[in-house]
Every structure is written in structure tokens, then in C-alpha cells.
Amino acid sequence: MKITIYQKPVCTTCRQVYALLKESGVDFDAVNYYIEPISKSKLKELLSKMGMSAAELLRKKEPLYKEMKLAEKNLSEDEIIDLMTANPDLMQRPIIEKGGKAILARPAERIKEIL
């Protein structure tokens, strides 16, 4: 089963996970979601596979999170997903998908759970 990494290539953790995947010799696809945006339906699917809510995937230390005052808003799951698809910086990363499972690979060593 092929592995897909959804990443921001300049992100330190993403680079670490990418290197671990390369070292392991597994076949994988890398998706820079700034160039190939994750659709709303795909993000919902990934959240389901990770067993996470959209709120759990938010990058709460991201300047944009603070600028948008998201902590003060009571947003629905759909509203948060819409915000993350429109503003990928709001999404924690990297997300690793393999078949029916996906993980948020933070810290990078979590990649071992899916290999």
C-alpha cells in the first residue's frame, strides 16, 4: 500500500519525516498542499482516518490563528475545515496516509506507526 505525505516542504518536521521515509526505502508520494491544495472532502477523510476533530488539527501557535482570533470563536467542524482548506498554514503537519489509516506525524518519530 502506498504512503502519501501531505506537507509543507520548508517545515522542519516535514523534512524530518520525508527523510525518514526516504531512508526506509518505502514507495511514497509527497504532496505539497500549498501547490496541490487538500480538498474539503479529502481533509474530512484524513481527519476521520486520524480519529481527530478539525479543532485538534488547528495550529494554535500560528500567527494567522491569533490574527483571526479563532480561539474566541465557536466554529463548527465544517467552518474549521473550510478555514484550513483556504489557509493551509492553519493545519498541523505533516499528515501521513496509508490505506485506511492516517497520522499526524508530530513528532517525526510517529512515522514508525505507519511503516
PDB file of N, CA and C in Angstrom:
ATOM      1  N   MET A   1       0.839  -1.181   0.000  1.00  0.00           N
ATOM      2  CA  MET A   1       0.000   0.000   0.000  1.00  0.00           C
ATOM      3  C   MET A   1       0.886   1.247   0.000  1.00  0.00           C
ATOM      4  N   LYS A   2       0.573   2.174  -0.854  1.00  0.00           N
ATOM      5  CA  LYS A   2       1.386   3.384  -0.996  1.00  0.00           C
ATOM      6  C   LYS A   2       1.126   4.375   0.143  1.00  0.00           C
ATOM      7  N   ILE A   3       2.178   5.062   0.531  1.00  0.00           N
ATOM      8  CA  ILE A   3       2.110   6.085   1.574  1.00  0.00           C
ATOM      9  C   ILE A   3       2.101   7.454   0.900  1.00  0.00           C
ATOM     10  N   THR A   4       1.296   8.363   1.457  1.00  0.00           N
ATOM     11  CA  THR A   4       1.282   9.742   0.982  1.00  0.00           C
ATOM     12  C   THR A   4       1.590  10.650   2.160  1.00  0.00           C
ATOM     13  N   ILE A   5       2.498  11.586   1.935  1.00  0.00           N
ATOM     14  CA  ILE A   5       2.809  12.601   2.946  1.00  0.00           C
ATOM     15  C   ILE A   5       2.275  13.939   2.447  1.00  0.00           C
ATOM     16  N   TYR A   6       1.422  14.553   3.262  1.00  0.00           N
ATOM     17  CA  TYR A   6       0.890  15.888   2.967  1.00  0.00           C
ATOM     18  C   TYR A   6       1.739  16.843   3.793  1.00  0.00           C
ATOM     19  N   GLN A   7       2.445  17.752   3.113  1.00  0.00           N
ATOM     20  CA  GLN A   7       3.461  18.514   3.807  1.00  0.00           C
ATOM     21  C   GLN A   7       3.644  19.925   3.280  1.00  0.00           C
ATOM     22  N   LYS A   8       4.412  20.677   4.056  1.00  0.00           N
ATOM     23  CA  LYS A   8       4.949  21.979   3.653  1.00  0.00           C
ATOM     24  C   LYS A   8       6.462  21.752   3.627  1.00  0.00           C
ATOM     25  N   PRO A   9       7.077  21.680   2.444  1.00  0.00           N
ATOM     26  CA  PRO A   9       8.477  21.274   2.338  1.00  0.00           C
ATOM     27  C   PRO A   9       9.481  22.078   3.165  1.00  0.00           C
ATOM     28  N   VAL A  10       9.167  23.322   3.524  1.00  0.00           N
ATOM     29  CA  VAL A  10      10.106  24.106   4.325  1.00  0.00           C
ATOM     30  C   VAL A  10       9.956  23.868   5.829  1.00  0.00           C
ATOM     31  N   CYS A  11       8.956  23.109   6.214  1.00  0.00           N
ATOM     32  CA  CYS A  11       8.704  22.784   7.619  1.00  0.00           C
ATOM     33  C   CYS A  11       9.751  21.775   8.107  1.00  0.00           C
ATOM     34  N   THR A  12      10.358  22.036   9.245  1.00  0.00           N
ATOM     35  CA  THR A  12      11.402  21.170   9.792  1.00  0.00           C
ATOM     36  C   THR A  12      10.893  19.752  10.034  1.00  0.00           C
ATOM     37  N   THR A  13       9.742  19.609  10.679  1.00  0.00           N
ATOM     38  CA  THR A  13       9.200  18.276  10.951  1.00  0.00           C
ATOM     39  C   THR A  13       8.877  17.553   9.652  1.00  0.00           C
ATOM     40  N   CYS A  14       8.342  18.263   8.672  1.00  0.00           N
ATOM     41  CA  CYS A  14       8.038  17.658   7.370  1.00  0.00           C
ATOM     42  C   CYS A  14       9.320  17.135   6.721  1.00  0.00           C
ATOM     43  N   ARG A  15      10.383  17.906   6.796  1.00  0.00           N
ATOM     44  CA  ARG A  15      11.660  17.473   6.214  1.00  0.00           C
ATOM     45  C   ARG A  15      12.194  16.241   6.935  1.00  0.00           C
ATOM     46  N   GLN A  16      12.029  16.186   8.253  1.00  0.00           N
ATOM     47  CA  GLN A  16      12.480  15.027   9.020  1.00  0.00           C
ATOM     48  C   GLN A  16      11.705  13.774   8.611  1.00  0.00           C
ATOM     49  N   VAL A  17      10.389  13.904   8.504  1.00  0.00           N
ATOM     50  CA  VAL A  17       9.548  12.764   8.118  1.00  0.00           C
ATOM     51  C   VAL A  17       9.873  12.320   6.691  1.00  0.00           C
ATOM     52  N   TYR A  18      10.051  13.285   5.796  1.00  0.00           N
ATOM     53  CA  TYR A  18      10.412  12.981   4.402  1.00  0.00           C
ATOM     54  C   TYR A  18      11.719  12.184   4.378  1.00  0.00           C
ATOM     55  N   ALA A  19      12.707  12.618   5.152  1.00  0.00           N
ATOM     56  CA  ALA A  19      14.000  11.917   5.215  1.00  0.00           C
ATOM     57  C   ALA A  19      13.835  10.505   5.768  1.00  0.00           C
ATOM     58  N   LEU A  20      13.012  10.347   6.809  1.00  0.00           N
ATOM     59  CA  LEU A  20      12.774   9.018   7.381  1.00  0.00           C
ATOM     60  C   LEU A  20      12.112   8.089   6.360  1.00  0.00           C
ATOM     61  N   LEU A  21      11.177   8.633   5.592  1.00  0.00           N
ATOM     62  CA  LEU A  21      10.527   7.833   4.548  1.00  0.00           C
ATOM     63  C   LEU A  21      11.545   7.417   3.487  1.00  0.00           C
ATOM     64  N   LYS A  22      12.387   8.347   3.066  1.00  0.00           N
ATOM     65  CA  LYS A  22      13.431   8.048   2.070  1.00  0.00           C
ATOM     66  C   LYS A  22      14.361   6.951   2.586  1.00  0.00           C
ATOM     67  N   GLU A  23      14.809   7.101   3.844  1.00  0.00           N
ATOM     68  CA  GLU A  23      15.723   6.129   4.451  1.00  0.00           C
ATOM     69  C   GLU A  23      15.102   4.740   4.556  1.00  0.00           C
ATOM     70  N   SER A  24      13.790   4.686   4.787  1.00  0.00           N
ATOM     71  CA  SER A  24      13.123   3.396   4.959  1.00  0.00           C
ATOM     72  C   SER A  24      12.966   2.655   3.628  1.00  0.00           C
ATOM     73  N   GLY A  25      13.129   3.378   2.524  1.00  0.00           N
ATOM     74  CA  GLY A  25      13.048   2.745   1.208  1.00  0.00           C
ATOM     75  C   GLY A  25      11.638   2.439   0.732  1.00  0.00           C
ATOM     76  N   VAL A  26      10.625   2.954   1.437  1.00  0.00           N
ATOM     77  CA  VAL A  26       9.246   2.697   1.012  1.00  0.00           C
ATOM     78  C   VAL A  26       8.872   3.615  -0.148  1.00  0.00           C
ATOM     79  N   ASP A  27       7.912   3.142  -0.929  1.00  0.00           N
ATOM     80  CA  ASP A  27       7.395   3.940  -2.038  1.00  0.00           C
ATOM     81  C   ASP A  27       6.373   4.921  -1.464  1.00  0.00           C
ATOM     82  N   PHE A  28       6.549   6.203  -1.745  1.00  0.00           N
ATOM     83  CA  PHE A  28       5.593   7.183  -1.224  1.00  0.00           C
ATOM     84  C   PHE A  28       5.457   8.362  -2.176  1.00  0.00           C
ATOM     85  N   ASP A  29       4.328   9.040  -2.037  1.00  0.00           N
ATOM     86  CA  ASP A  29       4.067  10.279  -2.770  1.00  0.00           C
ATOM     87  C   ASP A  29       4.154  11.430  -1.781  1.00  0.00           C
ATOM     88  N   ALA A  30       4.731  12.535  -2.200  1.00  0.00           N
ATOM     89  CA  ALA A  30       4.789  13.736  -1.374  1.00  0.00           C
ATOM     90  C   ALA A  30       3.890  14.790  -2.006  1.00  0.00           C
ATOM     91  N   VAL A  31       2.974  15.327  -1.225  1.00  0.00           N
ATOM     92  CA  VAL A  31       2.056  16.353  -1.697  1.00  0.00           C
ATOM     93  C   VAL A  31       2.341  17.650  -0.941  1.00  0.00           C
ATOM     94  N   ASN A  32       2.793  18.655  -1.673  1.00  0.00           N
ATOM     95  CA  ASN A  32       2.957  19.991  -1.102  1.00  0.00           C
ATOM     96  C   ASN A  32       1.579  20.636  -1.195  1.00  0.00           C
ATOM     97  N   TYR A  33       0.878  20.706  -0.080  1.00  0.00           N
ATOM     98  CA  TYR A  33      -0.513  21.174  -0.141  1.00  0.00           C
ATOM     99  C   TYR A  33      -0.634  22.684  -0.335  1.00  0.00           C
ATOM    100  N   TYR A  34       0.492  23.362  -0.513  1.00  0.00           N
ATOM    101  CA  TYR A  34       0.457  24.767  -0.915  1.00  0.00           C
ATOM    102  C   TYR A  34       0.366  24.865  -2.435  1.00  0.00           C
ATOM    103  N   ILE A  35       0.865  23.828  -3.127  1.00  0.00           N
ATOM    104  CA  ILE A  35       0.798  23.777  -4.591  1.00  0.00           C
ATOM    105  C   ILE A  35      -0.416  22.961  -5.030  1.00  0.00           C
ATOM    106  N   GLU A  36      -0.659  21.841  -4.328  1.00  0.00           N
ATOM    107  CA  GLU A  36      -1.811  20.975  -4.599  1.00  0.00           C
ATOM    108  C   GLU A  36      -2.709  20.993  -3.365  1.00  0.00           C
ATOM    109  N   PRO A  37      -3.600  21.980  -3.259  1.00  0.00           N
ATOM    110  CA  PRO A  37      -4.430  22.100  -2.050  1.00  0.00           C
ATOM    111  C   PRO A  37      -5.234  20.833  -1.736  1.00  0.00           C
ATOM    112  N   ILE A  38      -5.380  20.578  -0.449  1.00  0.00           N
ATOM    113  CA  ILE A  38      -6.207  19.456   0.006  1.00  0.00           C
ATOM    114  C   ILE A  38      -7.660  19.916  -0.068  1.00  0.00           C
ATOM    115  N   SER A  39      -8.481  19.133  -0.731  1.00  0.00           N
ATOM    116  CA  SER A  39      -9.901  19.485  -0.855  1.00  0.00           C
ATOM    117  C   SER A  39     -10.608  19.290   0.490  1.00  0.00           C
ATOM    118  N   LYS A  40     -11.757  19.902   0.605  1.00  0.00           N
ATOM    119  CA  LYS A  40     -12.553  19.771   1.830  1.00  0.00           C
ATOM    120  C   LYS A  40     -12.902  18.298   2.084  1.00  0.00           C
ATOM    121  N   SER A  41     -13.304  17.589   1.038  1.00  0.00           N
ATOM    122  CA  SER A  41     -13.684  16.188   1.222  1.00  0.00           C
ATOM    123  C   SER A  41     -12.476  15.335   1.618  1.00  0.00           C
ATOM    124  N   LYS A  42     -11.301  15.630   1.044  1.00  0.00           N
ATOM    125  CA  LYS A  42     -10.096  14.880   1.394  1.00  0.00           C
ATOM    126  C   LYS A  42      -9.672  15.173   2.825  1.00  0.00           C
ATOM    127  N   LEU A  43      -9.782  16.431   3.241  1.00  0.00           N
ATOM    128  CA  LEU A  43      -9.431  16.777   4.612  1.00  0.00           C
ATOM    129  C   LEU A  43     -10.367  16.088   5.602  1.00  0.00           C
ATOM    130  N   LYS A  44     -11.647  16.032   5.280  1.00  0.00           N
ATOM    131  CA  LYS A  44     -12.603  15.308   6.138  1.00  0.00           C
ATOM    132  C   LYS A  44     -12.214  13.833   6.234  1.00  0.00           C
ATOM    133  N   GLU A  45     -11.842  13.247   5.095  1.00  0.00           N
ATOM    134  CA  GLU A  45     -11.426  11.838   5.056  1.00  0.00           C
ATOM    135  C   GLU A  45     -10.176  11.624   5.917  1.00  0.00           C
ATOM    136  N   LEU A  46      -9.189  12.512   5.790  1.00  0.00           N
ATOM    137  CA  LEU A  46      -7.957  12.383   6.576  1.00  0.00           C
ATOM    138  C   LEU A  46      -8.246  12.529   8.072  1.00  0.00           C
ATOM    139  N   LEU A  47      -9.090  13.480   8.444  1.00  0.00           N
ATOM    140  CA  LEU A  47      -9.458  13.647   9.851  1.00  0.00           C
ATOM    141  C   LEU A  47     -10.114  12.387  10.391  1.00  0.00           C
ATOM    142  N   SER A  48     -10.995  11.799   9.603  1.00  0.00           N
ATOM    143  CA  SER A  48     -11.665  10.566  10.005  1.00  0.00           C
ATOM    144  C   SER A  48     -10.647   9.439  10.194  1.00  0.00           C
ATOM    145  N   LYS A  49      -9.724   9.310   9.253  1.00  0.00           N
ATOM    146  CA  LYS A  49      -8.700   8.258   9.338  1.00  0.00           C
ATOM    147  C   LYS A  49      -7.772   8.475  10.541  1.00  0.00           C
ATOM    148  N   MET A  50      -7.558   9.736  10.929  1.00  0.00           N
ATOM    149  CA  MET A  50      -6.706  10.044  12.078  1.00  0.00           C
ATOM    150  C   MET A  50      -7.473   9.965  13.397  1.00  0.00           C
ATOM    151  N   GLY A  51      -8.799   9.947  13.313  1.00  0.00           N
ATOM    152  CA  GLY A  51      -9.612   9.955  14.522  1.00  0.00           C
ATOM    153  C   GLY A  51      -9.501  11.282  15.260  1.00  0.00           C
ATOM    154  N   MET A  52      -9.368  12.362  14.488  1.00  0.00           N
ATOM    155  CA  MET A  52      -9.203  13.701  15.067  1.00  0.00           C
ATOM    156  C   MET A  52     -10.345  14.614  14.646  1.00  0.00           C
ATOM    157  N   SER A  53     -10.594  15.616  15.475  1.00  0.00           N
ATOM    158  CA  SER A  53     -11.528  16.660  15.078  1.00  0.00           C
ATOM    159  C   SER A  53     -10.728  17.729  14.339  1.00  0.00           C
ATOM    160  N   ALA A  54     -11.421  18.558  13.596  1.00  0.00           N
ATOM    161  CA  ALA A  54     -10.757  19.649  12.882  1.00  0.00           C
ATOM    162  C   ALA A  54     -10.074  20.589  13.876  1.00  0.00           C
ATOM    163  N   ALA A  55     -10.700  20.822  15.021  1.00  0.00           N
ATOM    164  CA  ALA A  55     -10.125  21.715  16.035  1.00  0.00           C
ATOM    165  C   ALA A  55      -8.783  21.181  16.531  1.00  0.00           C
ATOM    166  N   GLU A  56      -8.650  19.862  16.636  1.00  0.00           N
ATOM    167  CA  GLU A  56      -7.391  19.259  17.097  1.00  0.00           C
ATOM    168  C   GLU A  56      -6.265  19.435  16.074  1.00  0.00           C
ATOM    169  N   LEU A  57      -6.618  19.609  14.811  1.00  0.00           N
ATOM    170  CA  LEU A  57      -5.623  19.753  13.749  1.00  0.00           C
ATOM    171  C   LEU A  57      -5.166  21.210  13.570  1.00  0.00           C
ATOM    172  N   LEU A  58      -5.877  22.137  14.213  1.00  0.00           N
ATOM    173  CA  LEU A  58      -5.514  23.558  14.090  1.00  0.00           C
ATOM    174  C   LEU A  58      -4.151  23.837  14.730  1.00  0.00           C
ATOM    175  N   ARG A  59      -3.364  24.673  14.052  1.00  0.00           N
ATOM    176  CA  ARG A  59      -2.081  25.147  14.591  1.00  0.00           C
ATOM    177  C   ARG A  59      -2.365  26.377  15.442  1.00  0.00           C
ATOM    178  N   LYS A  60      -2.500  26.164  16.734  1.00  0.00           N
ATOM    179  CA  LYS A  60      -2.896  27.244  17.633  1.00  0.00           C
ATOM    180  C   LYS A  60      -1.783  28.255  17.881  1.00  0.00           C
ATOM    181  N   LYS A  61      -0.541  27.917  17.555  1.00  0.00           N
ATOM    182  CA  LYS A  61       0.571  28.858  17.728  1.00  0.00           C
ATOM    183  C   LYS A  61       0.856  29.641  16.450  1.00  0.00           C
ATOM    184  N   GLU A  62       0.116  29.343  15.406  1.00  0.00           N
ATOM    185  CA  GLU A  62       0.277  30.017  14.112  1.00  0.00           C
ATOM    186  C   GLU A  62      -0.176  31.472  14.224  1.00  0.00           C
ATOM    187  N   PRO A  63       0.628  32.437  13.747  1.00  0.00           N
ATOM    188  CA  PRO A  63       0.212  33.848  13.813  1.00  0.00           C
ATOM    189  C   PRO A  63      -1.175  34.098  13.214  1.00  0.00           C
ATOM    190  N   LEU A  64      -1.495  33.432  12.122  1.00  0.00           N
ATOM    191  CA  LEU A  64      -2.799  33.611  11.484  1.00  0.00           C
ATOM    192  C   LEU A  64      -3.941  33.203  12.423  1.00  0.00           C
ATOM    193  N   TYR A  65      -3.723  32.150  13.220  1.00  0.00           N
ATOM    194  CA  TYR A  65      -4.715  31.693  14.202  1.00  0.00           C
ATOM    195  C   TYR A  65      -5.023  32.838  15.173  1.00  0.00           C
ATOM    196  N   LYS A  66      -3.965  33.487  15.617  1.00  0.00           N
ATOM    197  CA  LYS A  66      -4.129  34.599  16.567  1.00  0.00           C
ATOM    198  C   LYS A  66      -4.755  35.819  15.884  1.00  0.00           C
ATOM    199  N   GLU A  67      -4.281  36.125  14.668  1.00  0.00           N
ATOM    200  CA  GLU A  67      -4.821  37.265  13.919  1.00  0.00           C
ATOM    201  C   GLU A  67      -6.321  37.122  13.679  1.00  0.00           C
ATOM    202  N   MET A  68      -6.737  35.908  13.364  1.00  0.00           N
ATOM    203  CA  MET A  68      -8.154  35.657  13.071  1.00  0.00           C
ATOM    204  C   MET A  68      -8.985  35.500  14.348  1.00  0.00           C
ATOM    205  N   LYS A  69      -8.303  35.531  15.511  1.00  0.00           N
ATOM    206  CA  LYS A  69      -8.960  35.391  16.816  1.00  0.00           C
ATOM    207  C   LYS A  69      -9.810  34.112  16.880  1.00  0.00           C
ATOM    208  N   LEU A  70      -9.259  33.023  16.358  1.00  0.00           N
ATOM    209  CA  LEU A  70     -10.026  31.771  16.292  1.00  0.00           C
ATOM    210  C   LEU A  70     -10.328  31.182  17.665  1.00  0.00           C
ATOM    211  N   ALA A  71      -9.466  31.447  18.640  1.00  0.00           N
ATOM    212  CA  ALA A  71      -9.703  30.938  19.986  1.00  0.00           C
ATOM    213  C   ALA A  71     -10.977  31.532  20.597  1.00  0.00           C
ATOM    214  N   GLU A  72     -11.349  32.713  20.117  1.00  0.00           N
ATOM    215  CA  GLU A  72     -12.531  33.405  20.658  1.00  0.00           C
ATOM    216  C   GLU A  72     -13.825  33.020  19.938  1.00  0.00           C
ATOM    217  N   LYS A  73     -13.692  32.238  18.876  1.00  0.00           N
ATOM    218  CA  LYS A  73     -14.871  31.903  18.077  1.00  0.00           C
ATOM    219  C   LYS A  73     -15.326  30.476  18.353  1.00  0.00           C
ATOM    220  N   ASN A  74     -16.614  30.283  18.272  1.00  0.00           N
ATOM    221  CA  ASN A  74     -17.183  28.953  18.445  1.00  0.00           C
ATOM    222  C   ASN A  74     -17.541  28.432  17.054  1.00  0.00           C
ATOM    223  N   LEU A  75     -16.545  27.860  16.372  1.00  0.00           N
ATOM    224  CA  LEU A  75     -16.723  27.424  14.990  1.00  0.00           C
ATOM    225  C   LEU A  75     -17.128  25.960  14.905  1.00  0.00           C
ATOM    226  N   SER A  76     -17.940  25.654  13.901  1.00  0.00           N
ATOM    227  CA  SER A  76     -18.340  24.268  13.669  1.00  0.00           C
ATOM    228  C   SER A  76     -17.195  23.520  12.997  1.00  0.00           C
ATOM    229  N   GLU A  77     -17.292  22.213  12.973  1.00  0.00           N
ATOM    230  CA  GLU A  77     -16.301  21.364  12.301  1.00  0.00           C
ATOM    231  C   GLU A  77     -16.139  21.803  10.837  1.00  0.00           C
ATOM    232  N   ASP A  78     -17.261  21.997  10.155  1.00  0.00           N
ATOM    233  CA  ASP A  78     -17.227  22.417   8.746  1.00  0.00           C
ATOM    234  C   ASP A  78     -16.555  23.781   8.569  1.00  0.00           C
ATOM    235  N   GLU A  79     -16.837  24.709   9.475  1.00  0.00           N
ATOM    236  CA  GLU A  79     -16.231  26.043   9.384  1.00  0.00           C
ATOM    237  C   GLU A  79     -14.713  25.976   9.561  1.00  0.00           C
ATOM    238  N   ILE A  80     -14.266  25.139  10.499  1.00  0.00           N
ATOM    239  CA  ILE A  80     -12.824  24.980  10.725  1.00  0.00           C
ATOM    240  C   ILE A  80     -12.171  24.332   9.503  1.00  0.00           C
ATOM    241  N   ILE A  81     -12.804  23.316   8.937  1.00  0.00           N
ATOM    242  CA  ILE A  81     -12.275  22.654   7.737  1.00  0.00           C
ATOM    243  C   ILE A  81     -12.197  23.651   6.584  1.00  0.00           C
ATOM    244  N   ASP A  82     -13.227  24.465   6.413  1.00  0.00           N
ATOM    245  CA  ASP A  82     -13.210  25.496   5.365  1.00  0.00           C
ATOM    246  C   ASP A  82     -12.032  26.461   5.571  1.00  0.00           C
ATOM    247  N   LEU A  83     -11.809  26.863   6.812  1.00  0.00           N
ATOM    248  CA  LEU A  83     -10.696  27.773   7.115  1.00  0.00           C
ATOM    249  C   LEU A  83      -9.349  27.123   6.786  1.00  0.00           C
ATOM    250  N   MET A  84      -9.198  25.840   7.134  1.00  0.00           N
ATOM    251  CA  MET A  84      -7.927  25.157   6.882  1.00  0.00           C
ATOM    252  C   MET A  84      -7.687  24.919   5.394  1.00  0.00           C
ATOM    253  N   THR A  85      -8.738  24.641   4.635  1.00  0.00           N
ATOM    254  CA  THR A  85      -8.535  24.442   3.202  1.00  0.00           C
ATOM    255  C   THR A  85      -8.199  25.771   2.523  1.00  0.00           C
ATOM    256  N   ALA A  86      -8.757  26.869   3.025  1.00  0.00           N
ATOM    257  CA  ALA A  86      -8.469  28.190   2.462  1.00  0.00           C
ATOM    258  C   ALA A  86      -7.136  28.749   2.958  1.00  0.00           C
ATOM    259  N   ASN A  87      -6.720  28.336   4.153  1.00  0.00           N
ATOM    260  CA  ASN A  87      -5.487  28.840   4.786  1.00  0.00           C
ATOM    261  C   ASN A  87      -4.677  27.657   5.312  1.00  0.00           C
ATOM    262  N   PRO A  88      -3.915  26.988   4.450  1.00  0.00           N
ATOM    263  CA  PRO A  88      -3.209  25.770   4.873  1.00  0.00           C
ATOM    264  C   PRO A  88      -2.243  25.968   6.044  1.00  0.00           C
ATOM    265  N   ASP A  89      -1.805  27.201   6.314  1.00  0.00           N
ATOM    266  CA  ASP A  89      -0.930  27.425   7.465  1.00  0.00           C
ATOM    267  C   ASP A  89      -1.622  27.079   8.786  1.00  0.00           C
ATOM    268  N   LEU A  90      -2.943  27.027   8.779  1.00  0.00           N
ATOM    269  CA  LEU A  90      -3.687  26.713   9.999  1.00  0.00           C
ATOM    270  C   LEU A  90      -3.670  25.222  10.336  1.00  0.00           C
ATOM    271  N   MET A  91      -3.160  24.399   9.425  1.00  0.00           N
ATOM    272  CA  MET A  91      -3.162  22.945   9.589  1.00  0.00           C
ATOM    273  C   MET A  91      -1.841  22.447  10.169  1.00  0.00           C
ATOM    274  N   GLN A  92      -1.922  21.601  11.195  1.00  0.00           N
ATOM    275  CA  GLN A  92      -0.711  20.948  11.681  1.00  0.00           C
ATOM    276  C   GLN A  92      -0.214  19.994  10.596  1.00  0.00           C
ATOM    277  N   ARG A  93       1.077  19.748  10.607  1.00  0.00           N
ATOM    278  CA  ARG A  93       1.674  18.927   9.567  1.00  0.00           C
ATOM    279  C   ARG A  93       2.903  18.224  10.110  1.00  0.00           C
ATOM    280  N   PRO A  94       3.350  17.195   9.414  1.00  0.00           N
ATOM    281  CA  PRO A  94       2.810  16.566   8.199  1.00  0.00           C
ATOM    282  C   PRO A  94       1.757  15.520   8.542  1.00  0.00           C
ATOM    283  N   ILE A  95       0.905  15.276   7.569  1.00  0.00           N
ATOM    284  CA  ILE A  95      -0.088  14.212   7.678  1.00  0.00           C
ATOM    285  C   ILE A  95       0.390  13.079   6.776  1.00  0.00           C
ATOM    286  N   ILE A  96       0.415  11.869   7.325  1.00  0.00           N
ATOM    287  CA  ILE A  96       0.845  10.695   6.576  1.00  0.00           C
ATOM    288  C   ILE A  96      -0.355   9.774   6.425  1.00  0.00           C
ATOM    289  N   GLU A  97      -0.603   9.353   5.189  1.00  0.00           N
ATOM    290  CA  GLU A  97      -1.751   8.481   4.897  1.00  0.00           C
ATOM    291  C   GLU A  97      -1.249   7.184   4.268  1.00  0.00           C
ATOM    292  N   LYS A  98      -1.809   6.082   4.752  1.00  0.00           N
ATOM    293  CA  LYS A  98      -1.515   4.771   4.178  1.00  0.00           C
ATOM    294  C   LYS A  98      -2.789   3.942   4.265  1.00  0.00           C
ATOM    295  N   GLY A  99      -3.414   3.729   3.120  1.00  0.00           N
ATOM    296  CA  GLY A  99      -4.653   2.948   3.094  1.00  0.00           C
ATOM    297  C   GLY A  99      -5.728   3.588   3.957  1.00  0.00           C
ATOM    298  N   GLY A 100      -6.271   2.807   4.882  1.00  0.00           N
ATOM    299  CA  GLY A 100      -7.354   3.276   5.741  1.00  0.00           C
ATOM    300  C   GLY A 100      -6.892   3.983   6.995  1.00  0.00           C
ATOM    301  N   LYS A 101      -5.585   4.265   7.087  1.00  0.00           N
ATOM    302  CA  LYS A 101      -5.049   4.898   8.282  1.00  0.00           C
ATOM    303  C   LYS A 101      -4.316   6.180   7.910  1.00  0.00           C
ATOM    304  N   ALA A 102      -4.353   7.148   8.805  1.00  0.00           N
ATOM    305  CA  ALA A 102      -3.581   8.375   8.643  1.00  0.00           C
ATOM    306  C   ALA A 102      -3.135   8.818  10.027  1.00  0.00           C
ATOM    307  N   ILE A 103      -1.986   9.499  10.070  1.00  0.00           N
ATOM    308  CA  ILE A 103      -1.487  10.026  11.342  1.00  0.00           C
ATOM    309  C   ILE A 103      -0.962  11.441  11.133  1.00  0.00           C
ATOM    310  N   LEU A 104      -0.970  12.188  12.201  1.00  0.00           N
ATOM    311  CA  LEU A 104      -0.275  13.465  12.240  1.00  0.00           C
ATOM    312  C   LEU A 104       1.104  13.113  12.775  1.00  0.00           C
ATOM    313  N   ALA A 105       2.127  13.235  11.955  1.00  0.00           N
ATOM    314  CA  ALA A 105       3.479  12.797  12.327  1.00  0.00           C
ATOM    315  C   ALA A 105       4.215  13.886  13.101  1.00  0.00           C
ATOM    316  N   ARG A 106       3.700  14.205  14.259  1.00  0.00           N
ATOM    317  CA  ARG A 106       4.332  15.141  15.191  1.00  0.00           C
ATOM    318  C   ARG A 106       4.410  14.436  16.525  1.00  0.00           C
ATOM    319  N   PRO A 107       5.556  14.104  17.035  1.00  0.00           N
ATOM    320  CA  PRO A 107       6.875  14.309  16.446  1.00  0.00           C
ATOM    321  C   PRO A 107       7.128  13.365  15.266  1.00  0.00           C
ATOM    322  N   ALA A 108       8.206  13.623  14.552  1.00  0.00           N
ATOM    323  CA  ALA A 108       8.524  12.876  13.329  1.00  0.00           C
ATOM    324  C   ALA A 108       8.605  11.368  13.558  1.00  0.00           C
ATOM    325  N   GLU A 109       9.005  10.950  14.747  1.00  0.00           N
ATOM    326  CA  GLU A 109       9.152   9.512  15.042  1.00  0.00           C
ATOM    327  C   GLU A 109       7.829   8.758  14.943  1.00  0.00           C
ATOM    328  N   ARG A 110       6.722   9.471  14.982  1.00  0.00           N
ATOM    329  CA  ARG A 110       5.417   8.807  14.864  1.00  0.00           C
ATOM    330  C   ARG A 110       5.277   8.091  13.530  1.00  0.00           C
ATOM    331  N   ILE A 111       6.124   8.420  12.545  1.00  0.00           N
ATOM    332  CA  ILE A 111       6.053   7.778  11.244  1.00  0.00           C
ATOM    333  C   ILE A 111       6.183   6.264  11.379  1.00  0.00           C
ATOM    334  N   LYS A 112       6.875   5.811  12.406  1.00  0.00           N
ATOM    335  CA  LYS A 112       7.074   4.368  12.632  1.00  0.00           C
ATOM    336  C   LYS A 112       5.733   3.641  12.820  1.00  0.00           C
ATOM    337  N   GLU A 113       4.711   4.370  13.274  1.00  0.00           N
ATOM    338  CA  GLU A 113       3.400   3.764  13.491  1.00  0.00           C
ATOM    339  C   GLU A 113       2.747   3.324  12.174  1.00  0.00           C
ATOM    340  N   ILE A 114       3.183   3.878  11.074  1.00  0.00           N
ATOM    341  CA  ILE A 114       2.514   3.618   9.807  1.00  0.00           C
ATOM    342  C   ILE A 114       3.392   2.820   8.835  1.00  0.00           C
ATOM    343  N   LEU A 115       4.685   2.714   9.125  1.00  0.00           N
ATOM    344  CA  LEU A 115       5.590   1.977   8.243  1.00  0.00           C
ATOM    345  C   LEU A 115       5.438   0.477   8.391  1.00  0.00           C
TER     346      LEU A 115
END
